[in-house]
Amino acid sequence: MSGARRKETVLTNVSDDLDRLLAESTDEKLTERLVFLKRVYKGATLEDAADDVGRSSATGTR
């Protein structure tokens, strides 16, 4: 026996998941973080995404 284990990979459309979570979110901080993640997923730099949600670039990179 090689001891290797197989893992199942499930691919999802992250953008659709983020849209759904944004629509369901009632928490302001969570919404801000989801918007940040969506902007990064769509290709924005960390600094630009942080600026879009009113945070510093240092916060975005952290």
C-alpha atoms as a PDB file:
ATOM      1  CA  MET A   1       0.000   0.000   0.000  1.00  0.00           C
ATOM      2  CA  SER A   2       1.283   3.403  -0.902  1.00  0.00           C
ATOM      3  CA  GLY A   3      -0.655   5.236   1.785  1.00  0.00           C
ATOM      4  CA  ALA A   4      -1.763   7.886  -0.708  1.00  0.00           C
ATOM      5  CA  ARG A   5      -5.176   9.337  -0.114  1.00  0.00           C
ATOM      6  CA  ARG A   6      -7.488  10.749  -2.692  1.00  0.00           C
ATOM      7  CA  LYS A   7      -9.319  14.002  -2.136  1.00  0.00           C
ATOM      8  CA  GLU A   8     -12.360  15.146  -3.985  1.00  0.00           C
ATOM      9  CA  THR A   9     -12.106  18.621  -5.473  1.00  0.00           C
ATOM     10  CA  VAL A  10     -15.296  20.593  -5.830  1.00  0.00           C
ATOM     11  CA  LEU A  11     -15.131  23.563  -8.149  1.00  0.00           C
ATOM     12  CA  THR A  12     -17.605  26.349  -7.647  1.00  0.00           C
ATOM     13  CA  ASN A  13     -18.188  29.721  -9.186  1.00  0.00           C
ATOM     14  CA  VAL A  14     -16.769  31.957  -6.479  1.00  0.00           C
ATOM     15  CA  SER A  15     -18.372  35.070  -7.926  1.00  0.00           C
ATOM     16  CA  ASP A  16     -21.848  33.543  -7.656  1.00  0.00           C
ATOM     17  CA  ASP A  17     -21.143  32.446  -4.089  1.00  0.00           C
ATOM     18  CA  LEU A  18     -19.947  35.942  -3.144  1.00  0.00           C
ATOM     19  CA  ASP A  19     -23.042  37.490  -4.751  1.00  0.00           C
ATOM     20  CA  ARG A  20     -25.293  35.147  -2.781  1.00  0.00           C
ATOM     21  CA  LEU A  21     -23.498  35.859   0.485  1.00  0.00           C
ATOM     22  CA  LEU A  22     -23.661  39.613  -0.170  1.00  0.00           C
ATOM     23  CA  ALA A  23     -27.405  39.399  -0.785  1.00  0.00           C
ATOM     24  CA  GLU A  24     -27.906  37.481   2.460  1.00  0.00           C
ATOM     25  CA  SER A  25     -25.562  39.558   4.629  1.00  0.00           C
ATOM     26  CA  THR A  26     -27.033  41.798   7.300  1.00  0.00           C
ATOM     27  CA  ASP A  27     -23.712  42.486   9.022  1.00  0.00           C
ATOM     28  CA  GLU A  28     -21.917  45.640   7.841  1.00  0.00           C
ATOM     29  CA  LYS A  29     -18.413  44.322   8.562  1.00  0.00           C
ATOM     30  CA  LEU A  30     -19.094  41.038   6.776  1.00  0.00           C
ATOM     31  CA  THR A  31     -20.520  42.902   3.784  1.00  0.00           C
ATOM     32  CA  GLU A  32     -17.399  45.065   3.613  1.00  0.00           C
ATOM     33  CA  ARG A  33     -15.170  41.999   3.653  1.00  0.00           C
ATOM     34  CA  LEU A  34     -17.220  40.248   0.985  1.00  0.00           C
ATOM     35  CA  VAL A  35     -17.053  43.323  -1.270  1.00  0.00           C
ATOM     36  CA  PHE A  36     -13.279  43.389  -0.736  1.00  0.00           C
ATOM     37  CA  LEU A  37     -12.971  39.700  -1.667  1.00  0.00           C
ATOM     38  CA  LYS A  38     -15.166  40.113  -4.727  1.00  0.00           C
ATOM     39  CA  ARG A  39     -13.052  43.031  -5.963  1.00  0.00           C
ATOM     40  CA  VAL A  40      -9.843  41.009  -5.512  1.00  0.00           C
ATOM     41  CA  TYR A  41     -11.411  37.988  -7.213  1.00  0.00           C
ATOM     42  CA  LYS A  42     -12.341  40.185 -10.167  1.00  0.00           C
ATOM     43  CA  GLY A  43      -8.727  41.303 -10.533  1.00  0.00           C
ATOM     44  CA  ALA A  44      -8.347  44.438  -8.415  1.00  0.00           C
ATOM     45  CA  THR A  45      -5.141  44.926  -6.488  1.00  0.00           C
ATOM     46  CA  LEU A  46      -5.295  44.542  -2.722  1.00  0.00           C
ATOM     47  CA  GLU A  47      -4.678  48.278  -2.377  1.00  0.00           C
ATOM     48  CA  ASP A  48      -7.498  49.219  -4.789  1.00  0.00           C
ATOM     49  CA  ALA A  49      -9.947  46.792  -3.189  1.00  0.00           C
ATOM     50  CA  ALA A  50      -9.109  48.139   0.266  1.00  0.00           C
ATOM     51  CA  ASP A  51      -9.594  51.705  -0.961  1.00  0.00           C
ATOM     52  CA  ASP A  52     -12.998  50.746  -2.405  1.00  0.00           C
ATOM     53  CA  VAL A  53     -14.227  49.689   1.028  1.00  0.00           C
ATOM     54  CA  GLY A  54     -12.630  52.624   2.814  1.00  0.00           C
ATOM     55  CA  ARG A  55      -9.659  50.824   4.331  1.00  0.00           C
ATOM     56  CA  SER A  56      -5.938  51.484   4.108  1.00  0.00           C
ATOM     57  CA  SER A  57      -3.715  49.487   1.793  1.00  0.00           C
ATOM     58  CA  ALA A  58      -1.961  48.089   4.873  1.00  0.00           C
ATOM     59  CA  THR A  59      -5.280  46.686   6.090  1.00  0.00           C
ATOM     60  CA  GLY A  60      -5.940  45.229   2.652  1.00  0.00           C
ATOM     61  CA  THR A  61      -2.649  43.395   2.549  1.00  0.00           C
ATOM     62  CA  ARG A  62      -3.087  42.138   6.094  1.00  0.00           C
END
